[in-house]
Amino acid sequence: MQIIKATTSHLQSLAALFDAYRQHYEQAPDLEGARAYLAERLKNDDSVIYVAESAGQLLGFTQLYPVFSSIGMKKAWILNDLFVDPEHRRKGAARRLIGASRELGQGTGARYIMLQTHITNATAQALYEDEGFKRDEEFYYYYLSI
């Protein structure tokens, strides 16, 4: 298994994984929308997407978006998406994708990598905590739907 930065050559397989990820979060299937969304991210360099690949097959992906820390006066990253195809879980892909994310943060001089997960997702929480992420107990997060 190798972890590589996604390019447009991965778009079709990546879109299928991304669509499965969205369906996992109870979104309607939309393969064409997933492909268009990812194509735009890749074209505009809006995010960094890493894929776990083995024998030419994509096993999973992570997508990070850049943000900035005004307090720290540095770049930061939001690890927005992490998904491994259910048939390829428990093989280390998620840990390796997190490792690539950590390397991205270190390589860009980032202050931190932030992520969120559903409060009932104990499996992901255990993974993130094992990888050194700390649960925020100092701040509340608010959202304004538009």
N, C-alpha and C. Protein backbone atom coordinates (compact mmCIF):
# COMPACT_ATOMS: atom_id res chain seq x y z
N MET A 1 0.86 -1.18 0.00
CA MET A 1 0.00 0.00 0.00
C MET A 1 0.90 1.23 0.00
N GLN A 2 0.48 2.20 -0.80
CA GLN A 2 1.20 3.47 -0.81
C GLN A 2 0.21 4.61 -0.63
N ILE A 3 0.70 5.69 -0.05
CA ILE A 3 -0.10 6.90 0.13
C ILE A 3 0.49 7.94 -0.80
N ILE A 4 -0.35 8.46 -1.69
CA ILE A 4 0.11 9.45 -2.66
C ILE A 4 -0.89 10.59 -2.74
N LYS A 5 -0.38 11.73 -3.18
CA LYS A 5 -1.25 12.89 -3.40
C LYS A 5 -2.08 12.63 -4.65
N ALA A 6 -3.39 12.84 -4.52
CA ALA A 6 -4.30 12.59 -5.64
C ALA A 6 -4.08 13.58 -6.77
N THR A 7 -4.28 13.08 -7.97
CA THR A 7 -4.24 13.91 -9.17
C THR A 7 -5.51 13.62 -9.97
N THR A 8 -5.68 14.31 -11.06
CA THR A 8 -6.86 14.09 -11.90
C THR A 8 -6.90 12.66 -12.44
N SER A 9 -5.76 11.97 -12.50
CA SER A 9 -5.77 10.57 -12.96
C SER A 9 -6.50 9.66 -11.99
N HIS A 10 -6.70 10.09 -10.75
CA HIS A 10 -7.41 9.30 -9.75
C HIS A 10 -8.90 9.64 -9.70
N LEU A 11 -9.32 10.60 -10.49
CA LEU A 11 -10.64 11.20 -10.31
C LEU A 11 -11.80 10.21 -10.32
N GLN A 12 -11.84 9.29 -11.26
CA GLN A 12 -12.99 8.38 -11.34
C GLN A 12 -13.09 7.49 -10.10
N SER A 13 -11.99 6.86 -9.73
CA SER A 13 -12.00 5.99 -8.55
C SER A 13 -12.21 6.79 -7.27
N LEU A 14 -11.60 7.95 -7.21
CA LEU A 14 -11.74 8.81 -6.03
C LEU A 14 -13.18 9.29 -5.88
N ALA A 15 -13.82 9.63 -6.98
CA ALA A 15 -15.22 10.08 -6.94
C ALA A 15 -16.12 8.97 -6.38
N ALA A 16 -15.86 7.74 -6.76
CA ALA A 16 -16.67 6.62 -6.24
C ALA A 16 -16.49 6.49 -4.73
N LEU A 17 -15.26 6.61 -4.24
CA LEU A 17 -15.01 6.56 -2.80
C LEU A 17 -15.67 7.74 -2.09
N PHE A 18 -15.54 8.92 -2.69
CA PHE A 18 -16.11 10.13 -2.10
C PHE A 18 -17.63 10.03 -2.03
N ASP A 19 -18.24 9.47 -3.07
CA ASP A 19 -19.69 9.29 -3.07
C ASP A 19 -20.10 8.29 -1.98
N ALA A 20 -19.33 7.22 -1.80
CA ALA A 20 -19.61 6.25 -0.73
C ALA A 20 -19.47 6.91 0.64
N TYR A 21 -18.47 7.75 0.79
CA TYR A 21 -18.26 8.51 2.03
C TYR A 21 -19.47 9.38 2.34
N ARG A 22 -19.95 10.10 1.35
CA ARG A 22 -21.12 10.97 1.54
C ARG A 22 -22.36 10.13 1.88
N GLN A 23 -22.52 9.01 1.25
CA GLN A 23 -23.65 8.14 1.55
C GLN A 23 -23.57 7.60 2.98
N HIS A 24 -22.35 7.36 3.45
CA HIS A 24 -22.14 6.94 4.84
C HIS A 24 -22.73 7.99 5.79
N TYR A 25 -22.69 9.24 5.39
CA TYR A 25 -23.26 10.34 6.18
C TYR A 25 -24.67 10.70 5.72
N GLU A 26 -25.35 9.70 5.17
CA GLU A 26 -26.77 9.79 4.83
C GLU A 26 -27.11 10.81 3.76
N GLN A 27 -26.19 11.02 2.83
CA GLN A 27 -26.44 11.87 1.67
C GLN A 27 -26.88 11.00 0.51
N ALA A 28 -27.68 11.55 -0.36
CA ALA A 28 -28.15 10.81 -1.53
C ALA A 28 -26.97 10.52 -2.46
N PRO A 29 -26.97 9.38 -3.12
CA PRO A 29 -25.91 9.09 -4.09
C PRO A 29 -25.86 10.16 -5.16
N ASP A 30 -24.66 10.56 -5.54
CA ASP A 30 -24.48 11.58 -6.58
C ASP A 30 -23.06 11.47 -7.12
N LEU A 31 -22.82 10.42 -7.87
CA LEU A 31 -21.48 10.16 -8.40
C LEU A 31 -20.99 11.29 -9.29
N GLU A 32 -21.85 11.80 -10.16
CA GLU A 32 -21.44 12.89 -11.05
C GLU A 32 -21.13 14.16 -10.24
N GLY A 33 -21.95 14.45 -9.24
CA GLY A 33 -21.68 15.60 -8.37
C GLY A 33 -20.38 15.44 -7.62
N ALA A 34 -20.11 14.23 -7.14
CA ALA A 34 -18.85 13.96 -6.42
C ALA A 34 -17.66 14.18 -7.35
N ARG A 35 -17.77 13.67 -8.58
CA ARG A 35 -16.69 13.85 -9.54
C ARG A 35 -16.44 15.32 -9.84
N ALA A 36 -17.52 16.08 -10.07
CA ALA A 36 -17.39 17.51 -10.38
C ALA A 36 -16.79 18.27 -9.19
N TYR A 37 -17.24 17.94 -7.99
CA TYR A 37 -16.74 18.61 -6.79
C TYR A 37 -15.23 18.37 -6.63
N LEU A 38 -14.82 17.12 -6.75
CA LEU A 38 -13.40 16.80 -6.60
C LEU A 38 -12.57 17.37 -7.74
N ALA A 39 -13.10 17.35 -8.94
CA ALA A 39 -12.38 17.93 -10.09
C ALA A 39 -12.10 19.40 -9.85
N GLU A 40 -13.08 20.10 -9.30
CA GLU A 40 -12.90 21.53 -9.01
C GLU A 40 -11.85 21.73 -7.92
N ARG A 41 -11.87 20.89 -6.87
CA ARG A 41 -10.87 21.01 -5.80
C ARG A 41 -9.48 20.81 -6.37
N LEU A 42 -9.33 19.79 -7.20
CA LEU A 42 -8.02 19.50 -7.77
C LEU A 42 -7.57 20.59 -8.74
N LYS A 43 -8.49 21.04 -9.58
CA LYS A 43 -8.16 22.08 -10.57
C LYS A 43 -7.73 23.37 -9.89
N ASN A 44 -8.48 23.77 -8.86
CA ASN A 44 -8.22 25.05 -8.19
C ASN A 44 -7.21 24.95 -7.06
N ASP A 45 -6.73 23.74 -6.81
CA ASP A 45 -5.78 23.51 -5.71
C ASP A 45 -6.35 24.03 -4.38
N ASP A 46 -7.65 23.80 -4.18
CA ASP A 46 -8.35 24.25 -2.98
C ASP A 46 -8.08 23.37 -1.77
N SER A 47 -7.70 22.13 -2.01
CA SER A 47 -7.49 21.18 -0.92
C SER A 47 -6.33 20.28 -1.29
N VAL A 48 -5.90 19.51 -0.31
CA VAL A 48 -4.91 18.46 -0.55
C VAL A 48 -5.62 17.14 -0.28
N ILE A 49 -5.56 16.26 -1.26
CA ILE A 49 -6.21 14.96 -1.15
C ILE A 49 -5.13 13.89 -1.28
N TYR A 50 -5.10 13.00 -0.29
CA TYR A 50 -4.21 11.85 -0.35
C TYR A 50 -5.06 10.61 -0.54
N VAL A 51 -4.53 9.66 -1.28
CA VAL A 51 -5.22 8.39 -1.48
C VAL A 51 -4.32 7.25 -1.03
N ALA A 52 -4.96 6.22 -0.49
CA ALA A 52 -4.28 4.97 -0.19
C ALA A 52 -4.54 4.06 -1.37
N GLU A 53 -3.46 3.57 -1.97
CA GLU A 53 -3.57 2.79 -3.20
C GLU A 53 -2.80 1.49 -3.05
N SER A 54 -3.40 0.42 -3.54
CA SER A 54 -2.73 -0.88 -3.55
C SER A 54 -3.11 -1.60 -4.83
N ALA A 55 -2.11 -2.03 -5.56
CA ALA A 55 -2.31 -2.77 -6.81
C ALA A 55 -3.25 -2.02 -7.76
N GLY A 56 -3.10 -0.70 -7.82
CA GLY A 56 -3.90 0.11 -8.73
C GLY A 56 -5.31 0.41 -8.26
N GLN A 57 -5.66 -0.03 -7.06
CA GLN A 57 -7.00 0.19 -6.51
C GLN A 57 -6.92 1.19 -5.36
N LEU A 58 -7.87 2.14 -5.35
CA LEU A 58 -7.93 3.09 -4.24
C LEU A 58 -8.68 2.44 -3.08
N LEU A 59 -8.05 2.47 -1.91
CA LEU A 59 -8.63 1.87 -0.71
C LEU A 59 -9.30 2.92 0.17
N GLY A 60 -8.81 4.15 0.11
CA GLY A 60 -9.34 5.21 0.95
C GLY A 60 -8.72 6.55 0.57
N PHE A 61 -9.19 7.58 1.24
CA PHE A 61 -8.67 8.93 0.97
C PHE A 61 -8.84 9.80 2.20
N THR A 62 -8.09 10.90 2.19
CA THR A 62 -8.31 11.98 3.15
C THR A 62 -8.21 13.28 2.38
N GLN A 63 -8.98 14.26 2.81
CA GLN A 63 -8.98 15.58 2.17
C GLN A 63 -8.80 16.64 3.26
N LEU A 64 -7.83 17.51 3.03
CA LEU A 64 -7.53 18.58 3.98
C LEU A 64 -7.69 19.93 3.30
N TYR A 65 -8.24 20.87 4.05
CA TYR A 65 -8.43 22.22 3.56
C TYR A 65 -7.55 23.17 4.36
N PRO A 66 -6.91 24.14 3.69
CA PRO A 66 -6.08 25.09 4.43
C PRO A 66 -6.93 26.18 5.10
N VAL A 67 -6.51 26.55 6.28
CA VAL A 67 -7.07 27.69 7.00
C VAL A 67 -5.87 28.40 7.65
N PHE A 68 -6.15 29.46 8.38
CA PHE A 68 -5.06 30.19 9.03
C PHE A 68 -5.40 30.45 10.48
N SER A 69 -4.38 30.43 11.31
CA SER A 69 -4.52 30.74 12.72
C SER A 69 -4.05 32.17 12.94
N SER A 70 -5.00 33.07 13.21
CA SER A 70 -4.64 34.46 13.47
C SER A 70 -3.81 34.57 14.74
N ILE A 71 -4.20 33.83 15.77
CA ILE A 71 -3.47 33.87 17.04
C ILE A 71 -2.04 33.38 16.85
N GLY A 72 -1.90 32.26 16.16
CA GLY A 72 -0.57 31.69 15.94
C GLY A 72 0.17 32.27 14.76
N MET A 73 -0.54 33.05 13.94
CA MET A 73 0.03 33.66 12.73
C MET A 73 0.70 32.61 11.84
N LYS A 74 -0.01 31.47 11.69
CA LYS A 74 0.50 30.39 10.86
C LYS A 74 -0.66 29.75 10.10
N LYS A 75 -0.29 28.98 9.12
CA LYS A 75 -1.26 28.15 8.41
C LYS A 75 -1.72 27.04 9.34
N ALA A 76 -2.90 26.53 9.10
CA ALA A 76 -3.42 25.35 9.79
C ALA A 76 -4.19 24.54 8.76
N TRP A 77 -4.58 23.34 9.12
CA TRP A 77 -5.29 22.46 8.19
C TRP A 77 -6.51 21.88 8.87
N ILE A 78 -7.58 21.76 8.12
CA ILE A 78 -8.75 21.03 8.57
C ILE A 78 -8.74 19.69 7.85
N LEU A 79 -8.62 18.63 8.62
CA LEU A 79 -8.74 17.29 8.07
C LEU A 79 -10.24 17.04 7.99
N ASN A 80 -10.79 17.36 6.85
CA ASN A 80 -12.24 17.39 6.69
C ASN A 80 -12.84 16.01 6.41
N ASP A 81 -12.14 15.20 5.65
CA ASP A 81 -12.67 13.91 5.21
C ASP A 81 -11.61 12.83 5.39
N LEU A 82 -12.01 11.71 5.93
CA LEU A 82 -11.17 10.52 6.01
C LEU A 82 -12.09 9.33 5.83
N PHE A 83 -11.81 8.53 4.83
CA PHE A 83 -12.69 7.39 4.53
C PHE A 83 -11.87 6.26 3.95
N VAL A 84 -12.12 5.07 4.45
CA VAL A 84 -11.53 3.86 3.89
C VAL A 84 -12.69 2.93 3.53
N ASP A 85 -12.63 2.39 2.33
CA ASP A 85 -13.65 1.46 1.87
C ASP A 85 -13.81 0.36 2.93
N PRO A 86 -15.05 0.07 3.33
CA PRO A 86 -15.26 -0.92 4.40
C PRO A 86 -14.56 -2.25 4.17
N GLU A 87 -14.42 -2.67 2.93
CA GLU A 87 -13.75 -3.95 2.69
C GLU A 87 -12.24 -3.90 2.89
N HIS A 88 -11.69 -2.70 3.03
CA HIS A 88 -10.24 -2.55 3.19
C HIS A 88 -9.85 -1.96 4.55
N ARG A 89 -10.78 -1.94 5.47
CA ARG A 89 -10.49 -1.40 6.79
C ARG A 89 -9.66 -2.39 7.60
N ARG A 90 -9.04 -1.87 8.63
CA ARG A 90 -8.20 -2.65 9.55
C ARG A 90 -6.92 -3.16 8.88
N LYS A 91 -6.47 -2.43 7.86
CA LYS A 91 -5.23 -2.79 7.17
C LYS A 91 -4.19 -1.68 7.28
N GLY A 92 -4.52 -0.63 8.05
CA GLY A 92 -3.56 0.45 8.27
C GLY A 92 -3.71 1.64 7.35
N ALA A 93 -4.66 1.63 6.45
CA ALA A 93 -4.81 2.74 5.50
C ALA A 93 -5.13 4.05 6.21
N ALA A 94 -6.05 4.02 7.16
CA ALA A 94 -6.44 5.26 7.86
C ALA A 94 -5.24 5.85 8.60
N ARG A 95 -4.49 5.01 9.30
CA ARG A 95 -3.30 5.51 10.01
C ARG A 95 -2.28 6.11 9.05
N ARG A 96 -2.11 5.48 7.92
CA ARG A 96 -1.13 6.00 6.95
C ARG A 96 -1.62 7.30 6.32
N LEU A 97 -2.93 7.42 6.11
CA LEU A 97 -3.47 8.68 5.59
C LEU A 97 -3.30 9.79 6.62
N ILE A 98 -3.51 9.47 7.89
CA ILE A 98 -3.28 10.46 8.95
C ILE A 98 -1.80 10.83 9.00
N GLY A 99 -0.94 9.85 8.81
CA GLY A 99 0.50 10.13 8.77
C GLY A 99 0.87 11.10 7.65
N ALA A 100 0.28 10.92 6.49
CA ALA A 100 0.53 11.84 5.37
C ALA A 100 0.02 13.24 5.71
N SER A 101 -1.11 13.29 6.41
CA SER A 101 -1.67 14.59 6.84
C SER A 101 -0.72 15.27 7.82
N ARG A 102 -0.18 14.49 8.75
CA ARG A 102 0.78 15.05 9.72
C ARG A 102 2.01 15.59 8.99
N GLU A 103 2.51 14.83 8.03
CA GLU A 103 3.67 15.28 7.25
C GLU A 103 3.35 16.56 6.49
N LEU A 104 2.15 16.69 5.95
CA LEU A 104 1.74 17.91 5.27
C LEU A 104 1.79 19.08 6.25
N GLY A 105 1.22 18.89 7.43
CA GLY A 105 1.24 19.95 8.44
C GLY A 105 2.66 20.36 8.81
N GLN A 106 3.50 19.38 9.06
CA GLN A 106 4.88 19.68 9.41
C GLN A 106 5.60 20.37 8.26
N GLY A 107 5.39 19.87 7.06
CA GLY A 107 6.07 20.41 5.88
C GLY A 107 5.64 21.82 5.52
N THR A 108 4.45 22.22 5.92
CA THR A 108 3.97 23.57 5.62
C THR A 108 4.09 24.51 6.82
N GLY A 109 4.73 24.03 7.89
CA GLY A 109 4.90 24.87 9.08
C GLY A 109 3.58 25.20 9.76
N ALA A 110 2.62 24.32 9.64
CA ALA A 110 1.29 24.58 10.19
C ALA A 110 1.31 24.57 11.72
N ARG A 111 0.39 25.31 12.29
CA ARG A 111 0.25 25.33 13.74
C ARG A 111 -0.48 24.09 14.25
N TYR A 112 -1.48 23.64 13.49
CA TYR A 112 -2.24 22.48 13.92
C TYR A 112 -3.01 21.87 12.75
N ILE A 113 -3.52 20.68 13.00
CA ILE A 113 -4.49 20.02 12.13
C ILE A 113 -5.73 19.80 12.99
N MET A 114 -6.86 20.24 12.50
CA MET A 114 -8.12 20.12 13.23
C MET A 114 -9.02 19.15 12.49
N LEU A 115 -9.82 18.41 13.25
CA LEU A 115 -10.84 17.57 12.64
C LEU A 115 -12.04 17.50 13.56
N GLN A 116 -13.13 17.03 13.02
CA GLN A 116 -14.31 16.75 13.82
C GLN A 116 -14.87 15.42 13.40
N THR A 117 -15.52 14.77 14.34
CA THR A 117 -16.17 13.51 14.05
C THR A 117 -17.46 13.45 14.86
N HIS A 118 -18.35 12.62 14.41
CA HIS A 118 -19.63 12.49 15.09
C HIS A 118 -19.41 11.98 16.51
N ILE A 119 -20.19 12.46 17.45
CA ILE A 119 -19.99 12.10 18.86
C ILE A 119 -20.21 10.61 19.12
N THR A 120 -20.90 9.92 18.24
CA THR A 120 -21.12 8.49 18.43
C THR A 120 -20.07 7.63 17.72
N ASN A 121 -19.14 8.25 17.00
CA ASN A 121 -18.15 7.49 16.24
C ASN A 121 -16.95 7.14 17.12
N ALA A 122 -17.17 6.21 18.03
CA ALA A 122 -16.13 5.83 18.99
C ALA A 122 -14.90 5.22 18.31
N THR A 123 -15.11 4.50 17.23
CA THR A 123 -13.98 3.88 16.52
C THR A 123 -13.03 4.95 15.99
N ALA A 124 -13.58 5.96 15.33
CA ALA A 124 -12.75 7.04 14.81
C ALA A 124 -12.10 7.83 15.95
N GLN A 125 -12.85 8.09 17.00
CA GLN A 125 -12.29 8.83 18.14
C GLN A 125 -11.08 8.10 18.72
N ALA A 126 -11.20 6.79 18.86
CA ALA A 126 -10.08 6.01 19.39
C ALA A 126 -8.87 6.09 18.47
N LEU A 127 -9.09 6.02 17.17
CA LEU A 127 -8.00 6.14 16.21
C LEU A 127 -7.34 7.51 16.32
N TYR A 128 -8.13 8.57 16.30
CA TYR A 128 -7.58 9.92 16.34
C TYR A 128 -6.79 10.15 17.63
N GLU A 129 -7.34 9.71 18.74
CA GLU A 129 -6.64 9.89 20.01
C GLU A 129 -5.36 9.07 20.05
N ASP A 130 -5.38 7.87 19.49
CA ASP A 130 -4.18 7.05 19.41
C ASP A 130 -3.12 7.70 18.53
N GLU A 131 -3.55 8.49 17.55
CA GLU A 131 -2.62 9.18 16.65
C GLU A 131 -2.18 10.54 17.19
N GLY A 132 -2.59 10.88 18.42
CA GLY A 132 -2.10 12.10 19.06
C GLY A 132 -3.05 13.28 19.04
N PHE A 133 -4.22 13.14 18.42
CA PHE A 133 -5.21 14.23 18.44
C PHE A 133 -5.80 14.34 19.84
N LYS A 134 -6.07 15.56 20.27
CA LYS A 134 -6.68 15.82 21.58
C LYS A 134 -8.06 16.40 21.37
N ARG A 135 -9.02 15.92 22.15
CA ARG A 135 -10.37 16.47 22.08
C ARG A 135 -10.38 17.86 22.70
N ASP A 136 -11.01 18.79 22.01
CA ASP A 136 -11.08 20.17 22.50
C ASP A 136 -12.07 20.24 23.67
N GLU A 137 -11.60 20.68 24.78
CA GLU A 137 -12.45 20.85 25.96
C GLU A 137 -12.50 22.30 26.40
N GLU A 138 -11.97 23.19 25.54
CA GLU A 138 -11.88 24.60 25.89
C GLU A 138 -12.85 25.47 25.10
N PHE A 139 -13.18 25.06 23.88
CA PHE A 139 -13.99 25.90 23.00
C PHE A 139 -15.24 25.18 22.54
N TYR A 140 -16.28 25.95 22.31
CA TYR A 140 -17.48 25.45 21.63
C TYR A 140 -17.38 25.87 20.18
N TYR A 141 -17.96 25.09 19.31
CA TYR A 141 -18.00 25.42 17.89
C TYR A 141 -19.44 25.69 17.52
N TYR A 142 -19.65 26.76 16.76
CA TYR A 142 -20.97 27.16 16.30
C TYR A 142 -21.01 27.16 14.79
N TYR A 143 -22.17 26.88 14.23
CA TYR A 143 -22.35 26.86 12.78
C TYR A 143 -23.54 27.72 12.42
N LEU A 144 -23.40 28.41 11.32
CA LEU A 144 -24.48 29.20 10.76
C LEU A 144 -24.80 28.60 9.40
N SER A 145 -25.93 27.96 9.27
CA SER A 145 -26.30 27.37 7.99
C SER A 145 -26.73 28.47 7.02
N ILE A 146 -26.28 28.36 5.79
CA ILE A 146 -26.58 29.37 4.78
C ILE A 146 -27.26 28.69 3.60
